[in-house]
Amino acid sequence: MDKASNYLGIMRKAGKLAIGEVDSGSAVRGGKTAVLCLAQDASDNARRRAEGFVYGRNTPLIRLPYEKETLSRLLGKPGCSMIAVLDAGLASAFVTALAQQDEQYAAVAERLQTRTPSAKARSSARNGKRRNNV
């Protein structure tokens, strides 16, 4: 098991993943998704649906190095080809771990790292935990 696959388990246990096309699509349309991920061997239909979900939104779409069978085993859900990561910090850590294995994820990892501080600020402002930096 690699570091990125460990992050998948952590995110699943924390409830920060939307698993499957229906849940992932709802999360993306609701603006809750940091990154949308497709299995390496996902069908063309699933790819087109994922592209439609992220069209016009600021959500990156990546193709994972895992096949559906491996992804299903890691997440405990059969036939899983699409997942949406709901937490910006975990998404950044996950894609950074993927970028350490393969350079094709480096641009998305950098994009997520620049978005993470502003996402944390919005989250804390929503929760009423705004800090005064005097």
N, C-alpha and C. Protein backbone atom coordinates (compact mmCIF):
# COMPACT_ATOMS: atom_id res chain seq x y z
N MET A 1 0.85 -1.18 0.00
CA MET A 1 0.00 0.00 0.00
C MET A 1 0.89 1.25 0.00
N ASP A 2 0.52 2.19 -0.81
CA ASP A 2 1.27 3.43 -0.88
C ASP A 2 0.62 4.50 0.00
N LYS A 3 1.29 5.62 0.09
CA LYS A 3 0.83 6.69 0.97
C LYS A 3 -0.52 7.26 0.51
N ALA A 4 -0.69 7.39 -0.80
CA ALA A 4 -1.94 7.94 -1.33
C ALA A 4 -3.13 7.04 -1.01
N SER A 5 -2.94 5.73 -1.11
CA SER A 5 -4.04 4.81 -0.81
C SER A 5 -4.37 4.85 0.68
N ASN A 6 -3.39 5.13 1.52
CA ASN A 6 -3.67 5.30 2.95
C ASN A 6 -4.57 6.51 3.19
N TYR A 7 -4.34 7.58 2.42
CA TYR A 7 -5.20 8.77 2.54
C TYR A 7 -6.64 8.45 2.16
N LEU A 8 -6.84 7.56 1.19
CA LEU A 8 -8.21 7.18 0.82
C LEU A 8 -8.94 6.56 2.01
N GLY A 9 -8.26 5.69 2.74
CA GLY A 9 -8.87 5.08 3.92
C GLY A 9 -9.17 6.10 5.00
N ILE A 10 -8.25 7.02 5.20
CA ILE A 10 -8.45 8.07 6.21
C ILE A 10 -9.66 8.94 5.85
N MET A 11 -9.73 9.33 4.57
CA MET A 11 -10.84 10.18 4.15
C MET A 11 -12.18 9.45 4.25
N ARG A 12 -12.19 8.16 3.92
CA ARG A 12 -13.43 7.39 4.02
C ARG A 12 -13.89 7.30 5.46
N LYS A 13 -12.96 7.01 6.37
CA LYS A 13 -13.31 6.90 7.79
C LYS A 13 -13.75 8.24 8.37
N ALA A 14 -13.19 9.32 7.85
CA ALA A 14 -13.56 10.65 8.34
C ALA A 14 -14.85 11.17 7.72
N GLY A 15 -15.38 10.46 6.73
CA GLY A 15 -16.60 10.91 6.07
C GLY A 15 -16.37 12.05 5.10
N LYS A 16 -15.18 12.14 4.55
CA LYS A 16 -14.84 13.23 3.65
C LYS A 16 -14.78 12.81 2.19
N LEU A 17 -15.44 11.68 1.86
CA LEU A 17 -15.52 11.20 0.48
C LEU A 17 -16.98 11.03 0.09
N ALA A 18 -17.29 11.40 -1.13
CA ALA A 18 -18.57 11.04 -1.75
C ALA A 18 -18.21 9.94 -2.75
N ILE A 19 -18.76 8.75 -2.55
CA ILE A 19 -18.36 7.59 -3.33
C ILE A 19 -19.47 7.23 -4.32
N GLY A 20 -19.08 7.05 -5.58
CA GLY A 20 -20.02 6.70 -6.63
C GLY A 20 -20.42 7.91 -7.46
N GLU A 21 -20.98 7.65 -8.64
CA GLU A 21 -21.34 8.73 -9.55
C GLU A 21 -22.43 9.63 -9.00
N VAL A 22 -23.43 9.06 -8.39
CA VAL A 22 -24.57 9.86 -7.91
C VAL A 22 -24.14 10.79 -6.77
N ASP A 23 -23.48 10.22 -5.77
CA ASP A 23 -23.04 11.03 -4.63
C ASP A 23 -21.98 12.05 -5.03
N SER A 24 -21.06 11.64 -5.89
CA SER A 24 -20.01 12.55 -6.35
C SER A 24 -20.61 13.71 -7.14
N GLY A 25 -21.54 13.40 -8.03
CA GLY A 25 -22.19 14.45 -8.82
C GLY A 25 -22.94 15.44 -7.95
N SER A 26 -23.63 14.93 -6.94
CA SER A 26 -24.36 15.81 -6.02
C SER A 26 -23.40 16.71 -5.25
N ALA A 27 -22.27 16.15 -4.82
CA ALA A 27 -21.29 16.93 -4.07
C ALA A 27 -20.68 18.02 -4.94
N VAL A 28 -20.36 17.70 -6.18
CA VAL A 28 -19.77 18.70 -7.08
C VAL A 28 -20.78 19.80 -7.38
N ARG A 29 -22.00 19.42 -7.70
CA ARG A 29 -23.04 20.43 -8.00
C ARG A 29 -23.34 21.29 -6.79
N GLY A 30 -23.18 20.73 -5.58
CA GLY A 30 -23.42 21.48 -4.36
C GLY A 30 -22.24 22.36 -3.95
N GLY A 31 -21.15 22.29 -4.68
CA GLY A 31 -19.97 23.11 -4.38
C GLY A 31 -19.18 22.63 -3.19
N LYS A 32 -19.31 21.35 -2.82
CA LYS A 32 -18.64 20.82 -1.64
C LYS A 32 -17.35 20.08 -1.96
N THR A 33 -17.00 19.95 -3.23
CA THR A 33 -15.91 19.09 -3.64
C THR A 33 -14.62 19.86 -3.87
N ALA A 34 -13.52 19.31 -3.32
CA ALA A 34 -12.20 19.88 -3.56
C ALA A 34 -11.57 19.29 -4.82
N VAL A 35 -11.78 18.00 -5.05
CA VAL A 35 -11.26 17.33 -6.25
C VAL A 35 -12.14 16.13 -6.57
N LEU A 36 -12.37 15.90 -7.86
CA LEU A 36 -13.14 14.76 -8.33
C LEU A 36 -12.16 13.77 -8.96
N CYS A 37 -12.28 12.50 -8.58
CA CYS A 37 -11.33 11.47 -9.01
C CYS A 37 -12.04 10.36 -9.75
N LEU A 38 -11.41 9.89 -10.83
CA LEU A 38 -11.91 8.77 -11.62
C LEU A 38 -10.92 7.62 -11.54
N ALA A 39 -11.44 6.39 -11.54
CA ALA A 39 -10.58 5.22 -11.59
C ALA A 39 -9.89 5.17 -12.95
N GLN A 40 -8.74 4.53 -12.99
CA GLN A 40 -7.94 4.46 -14.20
C GLN A 40 -8.71 3.79 -15.34
N ASP A 41 -9.50 2.79 -15.04
CA ASP A 41 -10.22 2.05 -16.07
C ASP A 41 -11.71 2.40 -16.11
N ALA A 42 -12.06 3.61 -15.69
CA ALA A 42 -13.46 4.04 -15.73
C ALA A 42 -13.92 4.13 -17.18
N SER A 43 -15.19 3.88 -17.40
CA SER A 43 -15.73 3.88 -18.76
C SER A 43 -15.75 5.29 -19.35
N ASP A 44 -15.90 5.36 -20.66
CA ASP A 44 -16.00 6.66 -21.32
C ASP A 44 -17.24 7.41 -20.86
N ASN A 45 -18.31 6.67 -20.58
CA ASN A 45 -19.53 7.30 -20.10
C ASN A 45 -19.30 7.95 -18.73
N ALA A 46 -18.59 7.26 -17.84
CA ALA A 46 -18.29 7.82 -16.52
C ALA A 46 -17.38 9.04 -16.67
N ARG A 47 -16.43 8.99 -17.59
CA ARG A 47 -15.54 10.12 -17.82
C ARG A 47 -16.33 11.33 -18.31
N ARG A 48 -17.24 11.11 -19.25
CA ARG A 48 -18.06 12.23 -19.77
C ARG A 48 -18.95 12.82 -18.68
N ARG A 49 -19.52 11.95 -17.85
CA ARG A 49 -20.35 12.45 -16.74
C ARG A 49 -19.52 13.29 -15.79
N ALA A 50 -18.31 12.81 -15.45
CA ALA A 50 -17.42 13.55 -14.54
C ALA A 50 -17.04 14.90 -15.15
N GLU A 51 -16.74 14.91 -16.44
CA GLU A 51 -16.41 16.18 -17.10
C GLU A 51 -17.59 17.13 -17.07
N GLY A 52 -18.80 16.59 -17.20
CA GLY A 52 -19.99 17.42 -17.10
C GLY A 52 -20.20 17.96 -15.71
N PHE A 53 -19.88 17.16 -14.70
CA PHE A 53 -20.02 17.63 -13.32
C PHE A 53 -19.13 18.82 -13.04
N VAL A 54 -17.88 18.78 -13.52
CA VAL A 54 -16.91 19.83 -13.18
C VAL A 54 -16.92 20.99 -14.18
N TYR A 55 -17.67 20.86 -15.28
CA TYR A 55 -17.70 21.91 -16.28
C TYR A 55 -18.21 23.22 -15.67
N GLY A 56 -17.44 24.28 -15.83
CA GLY A 56 -17.83 25.59 -15.32
C GLY A 56 -17.60 25.77 -13.83
N ARG A 57 -16.98 24.81 -13.20
CA ARG A 57 -16.70 24.91 -11.77
C ARG A 57 -15.19 24.93 -11.56
N ASN A 58 -14.78 25.31 -10.40
CA ASN A 58 -13.35 25.37 -10.08
C ASN A 58 -12.90 24.09 -9.39
N THR A 59 -13.37 22.95 -9.89
CA THR A 59 -13.05 21.65 -9.29
C THR A 59 -12.18 20.86 -10.25
N PRO A 60 -10.97 20.49 -9.84
CA PRO A 60 -10.12 19.69 -10.72
C PRO A 60 -10.62 18.25 -10.83
N LEU A 61 -10.41 17.66 -11.99
CA LEU A 61 -10.76 16.27 -12.27
C LEU A 61 -9.47 15.53 -12.56
N ILE A 62 -9.22 14.46 -11.80
CA ILE A 62 -8.00 13.67 -12.03
C ILE A 62 -8.36 12.21 -12.26
N ARG A 63 -7.52 11.55 -13.02
CA ARG A 63 -7.65 10.12 -13.26
C ARG A 63 -6.65 9.44 -12.33
N LEU A 64 -7.16 8.61 -11.41
CA LEU A 64 -6.33 7.94 -10.41
C LEU A 64 -5.49 6.82 -11.01
N PRO A 65 -4.39 6.47 -10.38
CA PRO A 65 -3.58 5.34 -10.87
C PRO A 65 -4.15 3.99 -10.46
N TYR A 66 -5.31 3.98 -9.81
CA TYR A 66 -5.94 2.75 -9.33
C TYR A 66 -7.06 2.33 -10.27
N GLU A 67 -7.19 1.03 -10.49
CA GLU A 67 -8.30 0.51 -11.26
C GLU A 67 -9.53 0.41 -10.36
N LYS A 68 -10.70 0.20 -10.97
CA LYS A 68 -11.95 0.13 -10.20
C LYS A 68 -11.90 -0.95 -9.13
N GLU A 69 -11.33 -2.08 -9.46
CA GLU A 69 -11.25 -3.18 -8.49
C GLU A 69 -10.43 -2.79 -7.27
N THR A 70 -9.29 -2.16 -7.49
CA THR A 70 -8.43 -1.72 -6.39
C THR A 70 -9.12 -0.62 -5.58
N LEU A 71 -9.73 0.33 -6.26
CA LEU A 71 -10.43 1.42 -5.59
C LEU A 71 -11.59 0.89 -4.76
N SER A 72 -12.31 -0.07 -5.30
CA SER A 72 -13.42 -0.69 -4.56
C SER A 72 -12.93 -1.40 -3.32
N ARG A 73 -11.80 -2.09 -3.44
CA ARG A 73 -11.23 -2.79 -2.29
C ARG A 73 -10.76 -1.80 -1.23
N LEU A 74 -10.13 -0.70 -1.65
CA LEU A 74 -9.64 0.29 -0.70
C LEU A 74 -10.77 0.99 0.06
N LEU A 75 -11.90 1.19 -0.64
CA LEU A 75 -13.01 1.94 -0.05
C LEU A 75 -14.10 1.06 0.53
N GLY A 76 -14.08 -0.22 0.21
CA GLY A 76 -15.10 -1.12 0.72
C GLY A 76 -16.44 -0.98 0.02
N LYS A 77 -16.43 -0.44 -1.19
CA LYS A 77 -17.66 -0.28 -1.98
C LYS A 77 -17.46 -0.96 -3.33
N PRO A 78 -18.30 -1.90 -3.70
CA PRO A 78 -18.11 -2.60 -4.98
C PRO A 78 -18.45 -1.72 -6.18
N GLY A 79 -17.69 -1.88 -7.26
CA GLY A 79 -17.96 -1.19 -8.52
C GLY A 79 -17.75 0.31 -8.48
N CYS A 80 -16.85 0.78 -7.67
CA CYS A 80 -16.62 2.22 -7.51
C CYS A 80 -15.65 2.73 -8.58
N SER A 81 -16.10 3.71 -9.36
CA SER A 81 -15.20 4.29 -10.37
C SER A 81 -15.01 5.79 -10.20
N MET A 82 -15.79 6.42 -9.32
CA MET A 82 -15.71 7.87 -9.15
C MET A 82 -15.84 8.22 -7.67
N ILE A 83 -14.94 9.11 -7.20
CA ILE A 83 -15.04 9.61 -5.84
C ILE A 83 -14.80 11.11 -5.84
N ALA A 84 -15.43 11.78 -4.91
CA ALA A 84 -15.24 13.21 -4.72
C ALA A 84 -14.68 13.43 -3.32
N VAL A 85 -13.57 14.15 -3.23
CA VAL A 85 -12.96 14.47 -1.94
C VAL A 85 -13.58 15.78 -1.47
N LEU A 86 -14.14 15.76 -0.26
CA LEU A 86 -14.91 16.89 0.24
C LEU A 86 -14.10 17.87 1.10
N ASP A 87 -12.91 17.50 1.52
CA ASP A 87 -12.10 18.34 2.39
C ASP A 87 -10.88 18.85 1.63
N ALA A 88 -10.67 20.16 1.62
CA ALA A 88 -9.58 20.75 0.84
C ALA A 88 -8.21 20.33 1.36
N GLY A 89 -8.03 20.26 2.66
CA GLY A 89 -6.74 19.88 3.22
C GLY A 89 -6.39 18.44 2.93
N LEU A 90 -7.35 17.54 3.09
CA LEU A 90 -7.11 16.14 2.78
C LEU A 90 -6.91 15.93 1.28
N ALA A 91 -7.65 16.67 0.46
CA ALA A 91 -7.48 16.58 -0.99
C ALA A 91 -6.07 17.01 -1.38
N SER A 92 -5.58 18.08 -0.77
CA SER A 92 -4.24 18.55 -1.06
C SER A 92 -3.19 17.52 -0.66
N ALA A 93 -3.33 16.92 0.51
CA ALA A 93 -2.39 15.91 0.97
C ALA A 93 -2.44 14.67 0.07
N PHE A 94 -3.64 14.26 -0.33
CA PHE A 94 -3.82 13.09 -1.18
C PHE A 94 -3.17 13.29 -2.55
N VAL A 95 -3.45 14.42 -3.18
CA VAL A 95 -2.90 14.67 -4.52
C VAL A 95 -1.39 14.92 -4.44
N THR A 96 -0.91 15.49 -3.36
CA THR A 96 0.53 15.65 -3.18
C THR A 96 1.20 14.28 -3.07
N ALA A 97 0.58 13.35 -2.36
CA ALA A 97 1.12 11.99 -2.28
C ALA A 97 1.11 11.32 -3.65
N LEU A 98 0.08 11.56 -4.44
CA LEU A 98 0.06 11.04 -5.81
C LEU A 98 1.16 11.67 -6.66
N ALA A 99 1.40 12.97 -6.47
CA ALA A 99 2.43 13.68 -7.23
C ALA A 99 3.83 13.17 -6.89
N GLN A 100 4.03 12.69 -5.68
CA GLN A 100 5.33 12.12 -5.32
C GLN A 100 5.58 10.82 -6.07
N GLN A 101 4.50 10.13 -6.44
CA GLN A 101 4.63 8.88 -7.20
C GLN A 101 4.71 9.13 -8.70
N ASP A 102 3.98 10.13 -9.18
CA ASP A 102 3.89 10.38 -10.62
C ASP A 102 3.76 11.89 -10.85
N GLU A 103 4.60 12.44 -11.71
CA GLU A 103 4.65 13.89 -11.95
C GLU A 103 3.39 14.46 -12.60
N GLN A 104 2.54 13.62 -13.20
CA GLN A 104 1.36 14.15 -13.87
C GLN A 104 0.39 14.82 -12.91
N TYR A 105 0.51 14.54 -11.62
CA TYR A 105 -0.39 15.13 -10.61
C TYR A 105 0.19 16.40 -9.99
N ALA A 106 1.39 16.80 -10.38
CA ALA A 106 2.07 17.93 -9.73
C ALA A 106 1.31 19.25 -9.90
N ALA A 107 0.78 19.50 -11.09
CA ALA A 107 0.07 20.77 -11.33
C ALA A 107 -1.19 20.86 -10.47
N VAL A 108 -1.93 19.77 -10.36
CA VAL A 108 -3.15 19.77 -9.54
C VAL A 108 -2.78 19.90 -8.06
N ALA A 109 -1.69 19.23 -7.64
CA ALA A 109 -1.25 19.33 -6.25
C ALA A 109 -0.89 20.76 -5.90
N GLU A 110 -0.19 21.44 -6.79
CA GLU A 110 0.18 22.83 -6.54
C GLU A 110 -1.06 23.72 -6.48
N ARG A 111 -2.00 23.48 -7.37
CA ARG A 111 -3.25 24.25 -7.39
C ARG A 111 -4.03 24.07 -6.10
N LEU A 112 -4.09 22.83 -5.59
CA LEU A 112 -4.81 22.57 -4.35
C LEU A 112 -4.09 23.17 -3.14
N GLN A 113 -2.77 23.19 -3.16
CA GLN A 113 -2.02 23.77 -2.05
C GLN A 113 -2.23 25.26 -1.96
N THR A 114 -2.41 25.92 -3.09
CA THR A 114 -2.65 27.37 -3.04
C THR A 114 -4.07 27.67 -2.62
N ARG A 115 -5.01 26.74 -2.84
CA ARG A 115 -6.41 26.95 -2.45
C ARG A 115 -6.65 26.63 -0.99
N THR A 116 -5.83 25.79 -0.38
CA THR A 116 -6.07 25.31 0.98
C THR A 116 -6.12 26.42 2.02
N PRO A 117 -5.19 27.40 2.05
CA PRO A 117 -5.29 28.45 3.09
C PRO A 117 -6.59 29.25 3.01
N SER A 118 -7.05 29.56 1.80
CA SER A 118 -8.29 30.33 1.70
C SER A 118 -9.49 29.47 2.10
N ALA A 119 -9.43 28.17 1.84
CA ALA A 119 -10.52 27.28 2.25
C ALA A 119 -10.58 27.18 3.76
N LYS A 120 -9.42 27.14 4.41
CA LYS A 120 -9.39 27.10 5.87
C LYS A 120 -9.96 28.39 6.46
N ALA A 121 -9.66 29.52 5.84
CA ALA A 121 -10.16 30.80 6.33
C ALA A 121 -11.69 30.86 6.20
N ARG A 122 -12.22 30.38 5.07
CA ARG A 122 -13.67 30.37 4.89
C ARG A 122 -14.33 29.44 5.89
N SER A 123 -13.71 28.30 6.12
CA SER A 123 -14.27 27.32 7.05
C SER A 123 -14.33 27.89 8.46
N SER A 124 -13.26 28.52 8.89
CA SER A 124 -13.25 29.07 10.25
C SER A 124 -14.21 30.26 10.36
N ALA A 125 -14.37 31.03 9.30
CA ALA A 125 -15.30 32.15 9.33
C ALA A 125 -16.74 31.64 9.43
N ARG A 126 -17.02 30.52 8.71
CA ARG A 126 -18.35 29.94 8.78
C ARG A 126 -18.66 29.40 10.16
N ASN A 127 -17.66 28.90 10.83
CA ASN A 127 -17.85 28.30 12.15
C ASN A 127 -17.80 29.34 13.28
N GLY A 128 -17.64 30.59 12.92
CA GLY A 128 -17.62 31.64 13.93
C GLY A 128 -16.34 31.70 14.73
N LYS A 129 -15.28 31.17 14.17
CA LYS A 129 -14.00 31.13 14.88
C LYS A 129 -12.99 32.09 14.28
N ARG A 130 -13.47 33.21 13.82
CA ARG A 130 -12.59 34.20 13.21
C ARG A 130 -11.63 34.74 14.26
N ARG A 131 -10.38 34.82 13.88
CA ARG A 131 -9.36 35.28 14.80
C ARG A 131 -8.97 36.72 14.46
N ASN A 132 -8.68 37.47 15.48
CA ASN A 132 -8.19 38.83 15.30
C ASN A 132 -6.68 38.78 15.41
N ASN A 133 -6.03 39.07 14.30
CA ASN A 133 -4.57 39.10 14.29
C ASN A 133 -4.12 40.52 14.53
N VAL A 134 -3.86 40.83 15.78
CA VAL A 134 -3.47 42.18 16.16
C VAL A 134 -1.99 42.25 16.35
